[in-house]
PDB file of N, CA and C in Angstrom:
ATOM      1  N   MET A   1      -2.236   1.690   7.467  1.00  0.00           N
ATOM      2  CA  MET A   1      -2.020   0.852   8.788  1.00  0.00           C
ATOM      3  C   MET A   1      -0.777   0.155   8.509  1.00  0.00           C
ATOM      4  N   PRO A   2       0.167   0.103   9.544  1.00  0.00           N
ATOM      5  CA  PRO A   2       1.475  -0.730   9.336  1.00  0.00           C
ATOM      6  C   PRO A   2       1.141  -2.204   9.272  1.00  0.00           C
ATOM      7  N   THR A   3       1.750  -2.855   8.623  1.00  0.00           N
ATOM      8  CA  THR A   3       1.908  -4.440   8.725  1.00  0.00           C
ATOM      9  C   THR A   3       2.881  -4.881   9.557  1.00  0.00           C
ATOM     10  N   PHE A   4       2.647  -6.024  10.307  1.00  0.00           N
ATOM     11  CA  PHE A   4       3.551  -6.590  11.187  1.00  0.00           C
ATOM     12  C   PHE A   4       3.478  -8.040  11.315  1.00  0.00           C
ATOM     13  N   SER A   5       4.518  -8.682  11.603  1.00  0.00           N
ATOM     14  CA  SER A   5       4.465 -10.115  11.836  1.00  0.00           C
ATOM     15  C   SER A   5       5.126 -10.558  13.260  1.00  0.00           C
ATOM     16  N   LEU A   6       4.458 -11.436  13.836  1.00  0.00           N
ATOM     17  CA  LEU A   6       4.886 -12.032  15.050  1.00  0.00           C
ATOM     18  C   LEU A   6       5.472 -13.378  14.977  1.00  0.00           C
ATOM     19  N   SER A   7       6.658 -13.410  14.898  1.00  0.00           N
ATOM     20  CA  SER A   7       7.456 -14.790  14.643  1.00  0.00           C
ATOM     21  C   SER A   7       7.667 -15.483  15.844  1.00  0.00           C
ATOM     22  N   VAL A   8       7.277 -16.795  15.923  1.00  0.00           N
ATOM     23  CA  VAL A   8       7.258 -17.616  17.018  1.00  0.00           C
ATOM     24  C   VAL A   8       7.948 -18.853  16.507  1.00  0.00           C
ATOM     25  N   GLU A   9       8.846 -19.423  17.279  1.00  0.00           N
ATOM     26  CA  GLU A   9       9.508 -20.735  16.951  1.00  0.00           C
ATOM     27  C   GLU A   9       9.270 -21.617  18.145  1.00  0.00           C
ATOM     28  N   PRO A  10       8.788 -22.960  17.768  1.00  0.00           N
ATOM     29  CA  PRO A  10       8.596 -23.890  18.938  1.00  0.00           C
ATOM     30  C   PRO A  10       9.911 -24.172  19.576  1.00  0.00           C
ATOM     31  N   LEU A  11      10.073 -24.447  20.800  1.00  0.00           N
ATOM     32  CA  LEU A  11      11.319 -24.734  21.536  1.00  0.00           C
ATOM     33  C   LEU A  11      10.957 -26.050  22.288  1.00  0.00           C
ATOM     34  N   HIS A  12      11.771 -27.065  22.021  1.00  0.00           N
ATOM     35  CA  HIS A  12      11.615 -28.331  22.643  1.00  0.00           C
ATOM     36  C   HIS A  12      12.983 -28.530  23.504  1.00  0.00           C
ATOM     37  N   LEU A  13      12.865 -28.887  24.717  1.00  0.00           N
ATOM     38  CA  LEU A  13      14.053 -29.082  25.548  1.00  0.00           C
ATOM     39  C   LEU A  13      13.947 -30.607  26.060  1.00  0.00           C
ATOM     40  N   ASP A  14      14.976 -31.419  25.967  1.00  0.00           N
ATOM     41  CA  ASP A  14      14.851 -32.658  26.485  1.00  0.00           C
ATOM     42  C   ASP A  14      15.966 -32.688  27.553  1.00  0.00           C
ATOM     43  N   ARG A  15      15.695 -32.420  28.818  1.00  0.00           N
ATOM     44  CA  ARG A  15      16.665 -32.346  29.860  1.00  0.00           C
ATOM     45  C   ARG A  15      16.469 -33.501  30.931  1.00  0.00           C
ATOM     46  N   ALA A  16      17.365 -34.420  30.898  1.00  0.00           N
ATOM     47  CA  ALA A  16      17.267 -35.584  31.836  1.00  0.00           C
ATOM     48  C   ALA A  16      15.857 -36.369  31.691  1.00  0.00           C
ATOM     49  N   HIS A  17      15.405 -36.515  30.540  1.00  0.00           N
ATOM     50  CA  HIS A  17      14.334 -37.187  30.241  1.00  0.00           C
ATOM     51  C   HIS A  17      13.038 -36.416  30.540  1.00  0.00           C
ATOM     52  N   ALA A  18      13.034 -35.247  31.009  1.00  0.00           N
ATOM     53  CA  ALA A  18      11.846 -34.548  31.305  1.00  0.00           C
ATOM     54  C   ALA A  18      11.652 -33.499  30.120  1.00  0.00           C
ATOM     55  N   ARG A  19      10.599 -33.668  29.372  1.00  0.00           N
ATOM     56  CA  ARG A  19      10.497 -32.971  28.116  1.00  0.00           C
ATOM     57  C   ARG A  19       9.863 -31.593  28.593  1.00  0.00           C
ATOM     58  N   ARG A  20      10.238 -30.612  28.186  1.00  0.00           N
ATOM     59  CA  ARG A  20       9.629 -29.284  28.328  1.00  0.00           C
ATOM     60  C   ARG A  20       9.377 -28.644  26.993  1.00  0.00           C
ATOM     61  N   ARG A  21       8.338 -27.982  26.900  1.00  0.00           N
ATOM     62  CA  ARG A  21       8.005 -27.237  25.661  1.00  0.00           C
ATOM     63  C   ARG A  21       7.732 -25.693  25.955  1.00  0.00           C
ATOM     64  N   GLY A  22       7.951 -24.909  24.872  1.00  0.00           N
ATOM     65  CA  GLY A  22       7.755 -23.654  24.981  1.00  0.00           C
ATOM     66  C   GLY A  22       7.857 -22.882  23.703  1.00  0.00           C
ATOM     67  N   VAL A  23       7.956 -21.609  23.617  1.00  0.00           N
ATOM     68  CA  VAL A  23       8.271 -20.770  22.346  1.00  0.00           C
ATOM     69  C   VAL A  23       9.304 -19.794  22.511  1.00  0.00           C
ATOM     70  N   LEU A  24       9.947 -19.581  21.447  1.00  0.00           N
ATOM     71  CA  LEU A  24      10.914 -18.522  21.431  1.00  0.00           C
ATOM     72  C   LEU A  24      10.314 -17.395  20.475  1.00  0.00           C
ATOM     73  N   ALA A  25       9.947 -16.262  21.024  1.00  0.00           N
ATOM     74  CA  ALA A  25       9.286 -15.145  20.208  1.00  0.00           C
ATOM     75  C   ALA A  25      10.342 -14.250  19.817  1.00  0.00           C
ATOM     76  N   GLU A  26      10.301 -13.826  18.604  1.00  0.00           N
ATOM     77  CA  GLU A  26      11.212 -12.758  18.067  1.00  0.00           C
ATOM     78  C   GLU A  26      10.512 -11.508  18.249  1.00  0.00           C
ATOM     79  N   ILE A  27      11.349 -10.398  18.157  1.00  0.00           N
ATOM     80  CA  ILE A  27      10.908  -9.086  18.125  1.00  0.00           C
ATOM     81  C   ILE A  27       9.928  -8.867  17.084  1.00  0.00           C
ATOM     82  N   ASP A  28       8.994  -7.993  17.156  1.00  0.00           N
ATOM     83  CA  ASP A  28       7.876  -7.659  16.311  1.00  0.00           C
ATOM     84  C   ASP A  28       8.404  -6.945  15.088  1.00  0.00           C
ATOM     85  N   HIS A  29       8.307  -7.504  13.808  1.00  0.00           N
ATOM     86  CA  HIS A  29       8.733  -6.853  12.676  1.00  0.00           C
ATOM     87  C   HIS A  29       7.606  -6.004  12.189  1.00  0.00           C
ATOM     88  N   LEU A  30       7.934  -4.742  11.517  1.00  0.00           N
ATOM     89  CA  LEU A  30       6.860  -3.931  11.116  1.00  0.00           C
ATOM     90  C   LEU A  30       7.367  -3.350   9.695  1.00  0.00           C
ATOM     91  N   SER A  31       6.323  -2.966   8.971  1.00  0.00           N
ATOM     92  CA  SER A  31       6.634  -2.257   7.608  1.00  0.00           C
ATOM     93  C   SER A  31       5.632  -1.193   7.554  1.00  0.00           C
ATOM     94  N   LEU A  32       6.085  -0.044   7.224  1.00  0.00           N
ATOM     95  CA  LEU A  32       5.346   1.162   6.976  1.00  0.00           C
ATOM     96  C   LEU A  32       5.448   1.656   5.568  1.00  0.00           C
ATOM     97  N   THR A  33       4.311   1.733   4.758  1.00  0.00           N
ATOM     98  CA  THR A  33       4.402   2.327   3.547  1.00  0.00           C
ATOM     99  C   THR A  33       3.658   3.744   3.417  1.00  0.00           C
ATOM    100  N   VAL A  34       4.389   4.703   3.011  1.00  0.00           N
ATOM    101  CA  VAL A  34       3.795   6.059   3.018  1.00  0.00           C
ATOM    102  C   VAL A  34       3.988   6.641   1.652  1.00  0.00           C
ATOM    103  N   LYS A  35       3.128   7.481   1.271  1.00  0.00           N
ATOM    104  CA  LYS A  35       3.232   8.216   0.034  1.00  0.00           C
ATOM    105  C   LYS A  35       4.325   9.074   0.186  1.00  0.00           C
ATOM    106  N   ALA A  36       5.191   9.367  -0.783  1.00  0.00           N
ATOM    107  CA  ALA A  36       6.382  10.215  -0.702  1.00  0.00           C
ATOM    108  C   ALA A  36       5.997  11.608  -1.219  1.00  0.00           C
ATOM    109  N   ILE A  37       5.109  12.130  -0.483  1.00  0.00           N
ATOM    110  CA  ILE A  37       4.696  13.649  -0.583  1.00  0.00           C
ATOM    111  C   ILE A  37       4.633  14.272   0.854  1.00  0.00           C
ATOM    112  N   GLY A  38       4.811  15.530   0.820  1.00  0.00           N
ATOM    113  CA  GLY A  38       4.941  16.169   2.122  1.00  0.00           C
ATOM    114  C   GLY A  38       6.316  15.763   2.911  1.00  0.00           C
ATOM    115  N   ASP A  39       6.370  15.837   4.110  1.00  0.00           N
ATOM    116  CA  ASP A  39       7.490  15.514   4.762  1.00  0.00           C
ATOM    117  C   ASP A  39       7.507  14.190   5.534  1.00  0.00           C
ATOM    118  N   VAL A  40       6.651  13.256   5.322  1.00  0.00           N
ATOM    119  CA  VAL A  40       6.457  12.197   6.080  1.00  0.00           C
ATOM    120  C   VAL A  40       7.534  11.227   5.780  1.00  0.00           C
ATOM    121  N   ALA A  41       7.993  10.995   4.431  1.00  0.00           N
ATOM    122  CA  ALA A  41       8.973  10.073   4.127  1.00  0.00           C
ATOM    123  C   ALA A  41      10.461  10.637   4.585  1.00  0.00           C
ATOM    124  N   ALA A  42      10.600  11.854   4.409  1.00  0.00           N
ATOM    125  CA  ALA A  42      11.790  12.576   4.903  1.00  0.00           C
ATOM    126  C   ALA A  42      11.986  12.356   6.538  1.00  0.00           C
ATOM    127  N   ARG A  43      10.867  12.554   7.351  1.00  0.00           N
ATOM    128  CA  ARG A  43      11.045  12.407   8.673  1.00  0.00           C
ATOM    129  C   ARG A  43      11.240  10.949   9.178  1.00  0.00           C
ATOM    130  N   LEU A  44      10.656   9.989   8.498  1.00  0.00           N
ATOM    131  CA  LEU A  44      10.928   8.632   8.665  1.00  0.00           C
ATOM    132  C   LEU A  44      12.424   8.198   8.396  1.00  0.00           C
ATOM    133  N   THR A  45      12.871   8.804   7.269  1.00  0.00           N
ATOM    134  CA  THR A  45      14.233   8.645   6.864  1.00  0.00           C
ATOM    135  C   THR A  45      15.181   9.148   7.871  1.00  0.00           C
ATOM    136  N   ALA A  46      14.901  10.299   8.447  1.00  0.00           N
ATOM    137  CA  ALA A  46      15.657  10.977   9.485  1.00  0.00           C
ATOM    138  C   ALA A  46      15.778  10.058  10.776  1.00  0.00           C
ATOM    139  N   LEU A  47      14.592   9.556  11.041  1.00  0.00           N
ATOM    140  CA  LEU A  47      14.547   8.565  12.189  1.00  0.00           C
ATOM    141  C   LEU A  47      15.518   7.477  12.034  1.00  0.00           C
ATOM    142  N   ALA A  48      15.403   6.845  10.784  1.00  0.00           N
ATOM    143  CA  ALA A  48      16.229   5.723  10.409  1.00  0.00           C
ATOM    144  C   ALA A  48      17.745   6.069  10.512  1.00  0.00           C
ATOM    145  N   LEU A  49      18.094   7.134  10.010  1.00  0.00           N
ATOM    146  CA  LEU A  49      19.561   7.454   9.749  1.00  0.00           C
ATOM    147  C   LEU A  49      20.070   7.825  11.113  1.00  0.00           C
ATOM    148  N   ASN A  50      19.353   8.340  12.113  1.00  0.00           N
ATOM    149  CA  ASN A  50      19.776   8.648  13.364  1.00  0.00           C
ATOM    150  C   ASN A  50      19.487   7.646  14.374  1.00  0.00           C
ATOM    151  N   ALA A  51      18.896   6.428  14.044  1.00  0.00           N
ATOM    152  CA  ALA A  51      18.673   5.359  14.788  1.00  0.00           C
ATOM    153  C   ALA A  51      17.868   5.741  16.016  1.00  0.00           C
ATOM    154  N   LYS A  52      16.742   6.540  15.761  1.00  0.00           N
ATOM    155  CA  LYS A  52      15.922   7.098  16.854  1.00  0.00           C
ATOM    156  C   LYS A  52      14.689   6.156  17.033  1.00  0.00           C
ATOM    157  N   ARG A  53      14.409   5.890  18.293  1.00  0.00           N
ATOM    158  CA  ARG A  53      13.175   5.083  18.568  1.00  0.00           C
ATOM    159  C   ARG A  53      12.021   6.014  18.470  1.00  0.00           C
ATOM    160  N   PHE A  54      10.712   5.316  18.052  1.00  0.00           N
ATOM    161  CA  PHE A  54       9.525   6.045  18.051  1.00  0.00           C
ATOM    162  C   PHE A  54       8.481   5.070  18.218  1.00  0.00           C
ATOM    163  N   ASP A  55       7.293   5.586  18.457  1.00  0.00           N
ATOM    164  CA  ASP A  55       6.092   4.790  18.836  1.00  0.00           C
ATOM    165  C   ASP A  55       5.068   5.014  17.604  1.00  0.00           C
ATOM    166  N   VAL A  56       4.356   3.921  17.314  1.00  0.00           N
ATOM    167  CA  VAL A  56       3.231   4.080  16.364  1.00  0.00           C
ATOM    168  C   VAL A  56       1.870   3.619  17.102  1.00  0.00           C
ATOM    169  N   THR A  57       1.001   4.687  17.014  1.00  0.00           N
ATOM    170  CA  THR A  57      -0.207   4.418  17.789  1.00  0.00           C
ATOM    171  C   THR A  57      -1.406   4.590  16.695  1.00  0.00           C
ATOM    172  N   LEU A  58      -2.333   3.622  16.722  1.00  0.00           N
ATOM    173  CA  LEU A  58      -3.462   3.599  15.921  1.00  0.00           C
ATOM    174  C   LEU A  58      -4.729   3.476  16.903  1.00  0.00           C
ATOM    175  N   GLN A  59      -5.541   4.479  16.644  1.00  0.00           N
ATOM    176  CA  GLN A  59      -6.733   4.597  17.529  1.00  0.00           C
ATOM    177  C   GLN A  59      -8.009   4.636  16.803  1.00  0.00           C
ATOM    178  N   GLU A  60      -9.104   4.145  17.203  1.00  0.00           N
ATOM    179  CA  GLU A  60     -10.420   4.172  16.610  1.00  0.00           C
ATOM    180  C   GLU A  60     -10.751   5.659  16.536  1.00  0.00           C
ATOM    181  N   LEU A  61     -11.192   6.069  15.513  1.00  0.00           N
ATOM    182  CA  LEU A  61     -11.579   7.464  15.261  1.00  0.00           C
ATOM    183  C   LEU A  61     -13.108   7.701  15.822  1.00  0.00           C
ATOM    184  N   THR A  62     -14.112   7.071  15.221  1.00  0.00           N
ATOM    185  CA  THR A  62     -15.430   7.156  15.521  1.00  0.00           C
ATOM    186  C   THR A  62     -16.089   5.804  15.139  1.00  0.00           C
ATOM    187  N   GLY A  63     -17.237   5.568  15.703  1.00  0.00           N
ATOM    188  CA  GLY A  63     -17.986   4.450  15.336  1.00  0.00           C
ATOM    189  C   GLY A  63     -17.613   3.127  15.832  1.00  0.00           C
ATOM    190  N   ASN A  64     -18.199   1.954  15.359  1.00  0.00           N
ATOM    191  CA  ASN A  64     -17.730   0.733  15.733  1.00  0.00           C
ATOM    192  C   ASN A  64     -17.373  -0.231  14.743  1.00  0.00           C
ATOM    193  N   ASP A  65     -16.646   0.270  13.665  1.00  0.00           N
ATOM    194  CA  ASP A  65     -16.334  -0.498  12.519  1.00  0.00           C
ATOM    195  C   ASP A  65     -14.956  -1.094  12.578  1.00  0.00           C
ATOM    196  N   TRP A  66     -14.317  -0.903  13.644  1.00  0.00           N
ATOM    197  CA  TRP A  66     -12.921  -1.431  13.808  1.00  0.00           C
ATOM    198  C   TRP A  66     -12.920  -2.378  15.044  1.00  0.00           C
ATOM    199  N   SER A  67     -12.136  -3.433  15.100  1.00  0.00           N
ATOM    200  CA  SER A  67     -12.124  -4.419  16.124  1.00  0.00           C
ATOM    201  C   SER A  67     -11.269  -3.983  17.336  1.00  0.00           C
ATOM    202  N   PHE A  68     -10.599  -2.921  17.145  1.00  0.00           N
ATOM    203  CA  PHE A  68      -9.670  -2.483  18.216  1.00  0.00           C
ATOM    204  C   PHE A  68      -9.916  -1.007  18.746  1.00  0.00           C
ATOM    205  N   ARG A  69      -9.788  -0.789  19.889  1.00  0.00           N
ATOM    206  CA  ARG A  69      -9.845   0.748  20.347  1.00  0.00           C
ATOM    207  C   ARG A  69      -8.423   1.334  20.028  1.00  0.00           C
ATOM    208  N   SER A  70      -7.261   0.552  20.218  1.00  0.00           N
ATOM    209  CA  SER A  70      -6.101   1.049  19.952  1.00  0.00           C
ATOM    210  C   SER A  70      -5.074  -0.077  19.707  1.00  0.00           C
ATOM    211  N   ILE A  71      -3.986   0.226  18.824  1.00  0.00           N
ATOM    212  CA  ILE A  71      -2.783  -0.736  18.699  1.00  0.00           C
ATOM    213  C   ILE A  71      -1.601   0.237  18.914  1.00  0.00           C
ATOM    214  N   VAL A  72      -0.823  -0.253  19.701  1.00  0.00           N
ATOM    215  CA  VAL A  72       0.496   0.441  20.060  1.00  0.00           C
ATOM    216  C   VAL A  72       1.800  -0.389  19.767  1.00  0.00           C
ATOM    217  N   LEU A  73       2.644   0.194  18.999  1.00  0.00           N
ATOM    218  CA  LEU A  73       3.940  -0.496  18.672  1.00  0.00           C
ATOM    219  C   LEU A  73       4.876   0.635  19.371  1.00  0.00           C
ATOM    220  N   SER A  74       5.675   0.180  20.317  1.00  0.00           N
ATOM    221  CA  SER A  74       6.504   1.162  21.014  1.00  0.00           C
ATOM    222  C   SER A  74       7.948   0.815  20.819  1.00  0.00           C
ATOM    223  N   GLU A  75       8.806   1.719  20.871  1.00  0.00           N
ATOM    224  CA  GLU A  75      10.250   1.568  20.720  1.00  0.00           C
ATOM    225  C   GLU A  75      10.642   1.067  19.471  1.00  0.00           C
ATOM    226  N   CYS A  76      10.106   1.563  18.333  1.00  0.00           N
ATOM    227  CA  CYS A  76      10.311   1.021  16.958  1.00  0.00           C
ATOM    228  C   CYS A  76      11.629   1.637  16.475  1.00  0.00           C
ATOM    229  N   LEU A  77      12.226   0.944  15.729  1.00  0.00           N
ATOM    230  CA  LEU A  77      13.518   1.224  14.896  1.00  0.00           C
ATOM    231  C   LEU A  77      13.386   0.790  13.437  1.00  0.00           C
ATOM    232  N   ILE A  78      13.769   1.676  12.600  1.00  0.00           N
ATOM    233  CA  ILE A  78      13.714   1.355  11.210  1.00  0.00           C
ATOM    234  C   ILE A  78      15.097   0.860  10.676  1.00  0.00           C
ATOM    235  N   THR A  79      15.012  -0.370   9.938  1.00  0.00           N
ATOM    236  CA  THR A  79      16.290  -0.954   9.589  1.00  0.00           C
ATOM    237  C   THR A  79      16.556  -0.954   8.177  1.00  0.00           C
ATOM    238  N   SER A  80      15.535  -0.678   7.434  1.00  0.00           N
ATOM    239  CA  SER A  80      15.711  -0.504   5.884  1.00  0.00           C
ATOM    240  C   SER A  80      14.584   0.214   5.314  1.00  0.00           C
ATOM    241  N   ALA A  81      14.809   0.938   4.145  1.00  0.00           N
ATOM    242  CA  ALA A  81      13.761   1.849   3.428  1.00  0.00           C
ATOM    243  C   ALA A  81      13.973   1.502   1.989  1.00  0.00           C
ATOM    244  N   SER A  82      12.807   1.390   1.280  1.00  0.00           N
ATOM    245  CA  SER A  82      12.914   1.192  -0.121  1.00  0.00           C
ATOM    246  C   SER A  82      11.822   1.977  -0.914  1.00  0.00           C
ATOM    247  N   PRO A  83      12.192   2.973  -1.666  1.00  0.00           N
ATOM    248  CA  PRO A  83      11.328   3.831  -2.463  1.00  0.00           C
ATOM    249  C   PRO A  83      10.830   3.035  -3.716  1.00  0.00           C
ATOM    250  N   SER A  84       9.524   3.444  -4.062  1.00  0.00           N
ATOM    251  CA  SER A  84       9.049   2.904  -5.261  1.00  0.00           C
ATOM    252  C   SER A  84       9.559   3.814  -6.463  1.00  0.00           C
ATOM    253  N   SER A  85       9.235   3.326  -7.669  1.00  0.00           N
ATOM    254  CA  SER A  85       9.479   4.128  -8.910  1.00  0.00           C
ATOM    255  C   SER A  85       8.571   5.226  -9.047  1.00  0.00           C
ATOM    256  N   ALA A  86       8.796   6.351  -9.563  1.00  0.00           N
ATOM    257  CA  ALA A  86       7.855   7.401  -9.821  1.00  0.00           C
ATOM    258  C   ALA A  86       7.079   6.990 -11.151  1.00  0.00           C
ATOM    259  N   SER A  87       5.829   7.331 -11.036  1.00  0.00           N
ATOM    260  CA  SER A  87       5.039   7.076 -12.227  1.00  0.00           C
ATOM    261  C   SER A  87       4.112   8.241 -12.552  1.00  0.00           C
ATOM    262  N   PRO A  88       3.616   8.433 -13.743  1.00  0.00           N
ATOM    263  CA  PRO A  88       2.730   9.583 -13.971  1.00  0.00           C
ATOM    264  C   PRO A  88       1.355   9.337 -13.336  1.00  0.00           C
ATOM    265  N   SER A  89       0.993   8.147 -12.922  1.00  0.00           N
ATOM    266  CA  SER A  89      -0.361   7.865 -12.556  1.00  0.00           C
ATOM    267  C   SER A  89      -0.502   8.251 -10.943  1.00  0.00           C
ATOM    268  N   GLY A  90       0.414   8.530 -10.174  1.00  0.00           N
ATOM    269  CA  GLY A  90       0.225   8.951  -8.635  1.00  0.00           C
ATOM    270  C   GLY A  90       1.555   9.078  -8.165  1.00  0.00           C
ATOM    271  N   ALA A  91       1.396   9.379  -6.863  1.00  0.00           N
ATOM    272  CA  ALA A  91       2.690   9.693  -6.060  1.00  0.00           C
ATOM    273  C   ALA A  91       3.389   8.528  -5.714  1.00  0.00           C
ATOM    274  N   PRO A  92       4.768   8.509  -5.737  1.00  0.00           N
ATOM    275  CA  PRO A  92       5.546   7.409  -5.326  1.00  0.00           C
ATOM    276  C   PRO A  92       5.403   7.048  -3.913  1.00  0.00           C
ATOM    277  N   THR A  93       5.711   5.793  -3.504  1.00  0.00           N
ATOM    278  CA  THR A  93       5.709   5.496  -2.049  1.00  0.00           C
ATOM    279  C   THR A  93       7.030   5.135  -1.620  1.00  0.00           C
ATOM    280  N   ALA A  94       7.229   5.036  -0.288  1.00  0.00           N
ATOM    281  CA  ALA A  94       8.388   4.598   0.391  1.00  0.00           C
ATOM    282  C   ALA A  94       7.964   3.669   1.386  1.00  0.00           C
ATOM    283  N   THR A  95       8.723   2.435   1.457  1.00  0.00           N
ATOM    284  CA  THR A  95       8.335   1.381   2.462  1.00  0.00           C
ATOM    285  C   THR A  95       9.538   1.395   3.490  1.00  0.00           C
ATOM    286  N   PHE A  96       9.159   1.581   4.684  1.00  0.00           N
ATOM    287  CA  PHE A  96      10.207   1.409   5.719  1.00  0.00           C
ATOM    288  C   PHE A  96       9.957   0.188   6.546  1.00  0.00           C
ATOM    289  N   SER A  97      10.962  -0.586   6.712  1.00  0.00           N
ATOM    290  CA  SER A  97      11.021  -1.847   7.494  1.00  0.00           C
ATOM    291  C   SER A  97      11.715  -1.759   8.870  1.00  0.00           C
ATOM    292  N   GLY A  98      11.274  -2.491   9.899  1.00  0.00           N
ATOM    293  CA  GLY A  98      11.999  -2.368  11.045  1.00  0.00           C
ATOM    294  C   GLY A  98      11.396  -3.363  12.097  1.00  0.00           C
ATOM    295  N   PHE A  99      11.530  -3.021  13.391  1.00  0.00           N
ATOM    296  CA  PHE A  99      11.064  -3.764  14.437  1.00  0.00           C
ATOM    297  C   PHE A  99      10.648  -2.918  15.603  1.00  0.00           C
ATOM    298  N   SER A 100       9.693  -3.512  16.292  1.00  0.00           N
ATOM    299  CA  SER A 100       9.156  -2.919  17.531  1.00  0.00           C
ATOM    300  C   SER A 100       9.585  -3.698  18.813  1.00  0.00           C
ATOM    301  N   MET A 101      10.000  -3.051  19.833  1.00  0.00           N
ATOM    302  CA  MET A 101      10.391  -3.793  20.937  1.00  0.00           C
ATOM    303  C   MET A 101       9.286  -4.168  21.902  1.00  0.00           C
ATOM    304  N   HIS A 102       8.039  -3.527  21.752  1.00  0.00           N
ATOM    305  CA  HIS A 102       6.903  -3.828  22.656  1.00  0.00           C
ATOM    306  C   HIS A 102       5.703  -3.619  21.610  1.00  0.00           C
ATOM    307  N   ALA A 103       4.641  -4.383  21.778  1.00  0.00           N
ATOM    308  CA  ALA A 103       3.422  -4.304  21.175  1.00  0.00           C
ATOM    309  C   ALA A 103       2.294  -4.461  22.046  1.00  0.00           C
ATOM    310  N   ALA A 104       1.251  -3.733  21.904  1.00  0.00           N
ATOM    311  CA  ALA A 104       0.014  -3.835  22.802  1.00  0.00           C
ATOM    312  C   ALA A 104      -1.187  -3.518  21.942  1.00  0.00           C
ATOM    313  N   SER A 105      -2.364  -4.162  22.456  1.00  0.00           N
ATOM    314  CA  SER A 105      -3.610  -3.809  21.741  1.00  0.00           C
ATOM    315  C   SER A 105      -4.749  -3.780  22.694  1.00  0.00           C
ATOM    316  N   ASP A 106      -5.717  -3.013  22.388  1.00  0.00           N
ATOM    317  CA  ASP A 106      -6.820  -2.753  23.284  1.00  0.00           C
ATOM    318  C   ASP A 106      -8.137  -3.126  22.519  1.00  0.00           C
ATOM    319  N   GLY A 107      -8.524  -4.349  22.602  1.00  0.00           N
ATOM    320  CA  GLY A 107      -9.677  -4.759  21.742  1.00  0.00           C
ATOM    321  C   GLY A 107     -10.920  -4.423  22.336  1.00  0.00           C
ATOM    322  N   LYS A 108     -11.924  -4.507  21.561  1.00  0.00           N
ATOM    323  CA  LYS A 108     -13.336  -4.137  21.952  1.00  0.00           C
ATOM    324  C   LYS A 108     -13.768  -5.273  22.776  1.00  0.00           C
ATOM    325  N   LYS A 109     -14.930  -5.071  23.659  1.00  0.00           N
ATOM    326  CA  LYS A 109     -15.523  -6.118  24.387  1.00  0.00           C
ATOM    327  C   LYS A 109     -15.963  -7.247  23.418  1.00  0.00           C
ATOM    328  N   ALA A 110     -16.545  -7.018  22.353  1.00  0.00           N
ATOM    329  CA  ALA A 110     -16.988  -8.051  21.582  1.00  0.00           C
ATOM    330  C   ALA A 110     -15.855  -8.970  21.008  1.00  0.00           C
ATOM    331  N   CYS A 111     -14.666  -8.421  20.844  1.00  0.00           N
ATOM    332  CA  CYS A 111     -13.438  -9.216  20.442  1.00  0.00           C
ATOM    333  C   CYS A 111     -12.853  -9.913  21.685  1.00  0.00           C
ATOM    334  N   ALA A 112     -13.001  -9.481  22.877  1.00  0.00           N
ATOM    335  CA  ALA A 112     -12.471 -10.023  24.072  1.00  0.00           C
ATOM    336  C   ALA A 112     -12.914 -11.429  24.339  1.00  0.00           C
ATOM    337  N   ALA A 113     -14.233 -11.708  23.799  1.00  0.00           N
ATOM    338  CA  ALA A 113     -14.786 -13.053  24.108  1.00  0.00           C
ATOM    339  C   ALA A 113     -14.210 -14.149  23.011  1.00  0.00           C
ATOM    340  N   ILE A 114     -13.618 -13.662  22.100  1.00  0.00           N
ATOM    341  CA  ILE A 114     -12.945 -14.633  21.085  1.00  0.00           C
ATOM    342  C   ILE A 114     -11.670 -15.262  21.569  1.00  0.00           C
ATOM    343  N   PRO A 115     -11.644 -16.588  21.804  1.00  0.00           N
ATOM    344  CA  PRO A 115     -10.406 -17.066  22.308  1.00  0.00           C
ATOM    345  C   PRO A 115      -9.208 -16.927  21.464  1.00  0.00           C
TER     346      PRO A 115
END
């Protein structure tokens, strides 16, 4: 599952003694870590080098053990990649960082009641 952070900074405006408050939301940052076996790392590297946008969709497979029906990060771009060191105990990994222009989730009804 990709990790992501939603950075929000408080914004305070003092305009003619009328205080207004809001937030300045940054683009959604994401990080994908994949095992460097098969062609997944190569395909993500090609997306990064060609500055191609892509979507990440996570969907519930079966059962009810996940809080979401789906999570979608769309129009993603990779801005950096860092491979791990090779070791005899397992396959190396590659971590790709970037951002998503849009994020959406479809929660289950049980989660929709939580404020």
